[in-house]
Amino acid sequence: MNGSENYEEEAENFVEEYDLLDKQLDSLDSALTVLEERRDHLHEEIKKLVEEAKEARLEQEKEQGKASEESESKPKDS
């Protein structure tokens, strides 16, 4: 094997390794994209749940306030 054949073989190996790495990076990029989409979806769901919990808490506080006002306004039996 002479120098140019050796160089061509090394260049071909380099191209194959480069292509393999390129495919692996593409796969990783796709996986990261899926994870980012899931994270974004979960973030939106969590924001909705937090907002619903706030609304439920405020409604409960409002109802408790009404109940305590009603019990204070009723005349007590003596």
Protein backbone atom coordinates (compact mmCIF):
# COMPACT_ATOMS: atom_id res chain seq x y z
CA MET A 1 0.00 0.00 0.00
CA ASN A 2 1.49 3.31 -0.98
CA GLY A 3 1.00 6.70 0.66
CA SER A 4 -1.87 7.88 -1.54
CA GLU A 5 -3.84 4.66 -1.01
CA ASN A 6 -3.31 4.96 2.74
CA TYR A 7 -4.41 8.58 2.64
CA GLU A 8 -7.54 7.71 0.64
CA GLU A 9 -8.43 4.93 3.07
CA GLU A 10 -7.98 7.25 6.06
CA ALA A 11 -10.03 9.94 4.33
CA GLU A 12 -12.79 7.42 3.62
CA ASN A 13 -12.76 6.27 7.27
CA PHE A 14 -12.93 9.89 8.38
CA VAL A 15 -15.94 10.52 6.13
CA GLU A 16 -17.69 7.41 7.49
CA GLU A 17 -17.01 8.45 11.09
CA TYR A 18 -18.15 11.99 10.33
CA ASP A 19 -21.38 10.70 8.77
CA LEU A 20 -22.00 8.45 11.79
CA LEU A 21 -21.43 11.34 14.19
CA ASP A 22 -23.70 13.55 12.07
CA LYS A 23 -26.49 10.96 12.27
CA GLN A 24 -26.01 10.59 16.02
CA LEU A 25 -26.18 14.36 16.47
CA ASP A 26 -29.35 14.46 14.38
CA SER A 27 -30.86 11.78 16.61
CA LEU A 28 -29.87 13.68 19.74
CA ASP A 29 -31.32 16.87 18.30
CA SER A 30 -34.61 15.11 17.57
CA ALA A 31 -34.73 13.65 21.08
CA LEU A 32 -34.02 17.07 22.61
CA THR A 33 -36.75 18.62 20.49
CA VAL A 34 -39.24 16.05 21.79
CA LEU A 35 -38.14 16.69 25.37
CA GLU A 36 -38.45 20.45 24.92
CA GLU A 37 -41.96 20.04 23.51
CA ARG A 38 -42.94 17.83 26.47
CA ARG A 39 -41.42 20.32 28.90
CA ASP A 40 -43.32 23.19 27.29
CA HIS A 41 -46.57 21.18 27.42
CA LEU A 42 -46.03 20.30 31.07
CA HIS A 43 -45.21 23.92 31.87
CA GLU A 44 -48.48 25.06 30.32
CA GLU A 45 -50.42 22.37 32.18
CA ILE A 46 -48.80 23.37 35.48
CA LYS A 47 -49.63 27.04 34.85
CA LYS A 48 -53.27 26.06 34.27
CA LEU A 49 -53.36 23.97 37.44
CA VAL A 50 -51.83 26.77 39.50
CA GLU A 51 -54.36 29.23 38.15
CA GLU A 52 -57.24 26.83 38.86
CA ALA A 53 -55.93 26.27 42.39
CA LYS A 54 -55.75 30.05 42.97
CA GLU A 55 -59.30 30.49 41.72
CA ALA A 56 -60.55 27.62 43.89
CA ARG A 57 -58.78 29.05 46.94
CA LEU A 58 -60.22 32.51 46.35
CA GLU A 59 -63.71 31.04 45.88
CA GLN A 60 -63.34 29.03 49.08
CA GLU A 61 -62.15 32.10 51.00
CA LYS A 62 -65.08 34.07 49.60
CA GLU A 63 -67.55 31.36 50.69
CA GLN A 64 -65.97 31.13 54.14
CA GLY A 65 -66.22 34.90 54.45
CA LYS A 66 -69.93 34.80 53.57
CA ALA A 67 -70.55 31.98 56.04
CA SER A 68 -68.82 33.81 58.86
CA GLU A 69 -70.74 37.03 58.04
CA GLU A 70 -74.03 35.12 58.11
CA SER A 71 -73.24 33.49 61.42
CA GLU A 72 -72.27 36.87 62.93
CA SER A 73 -75.42 38.58 61.66
CA LYS A 74 -77.83 35.97 63.10
CA PRO A 75 -79.24 36.90 66.48
CA LYS A 76 -78.17 34.58 69.25
CA ASP A 77 -80.82 32.80 71.25
CA SER A 78 -80.68 33.71 74.95
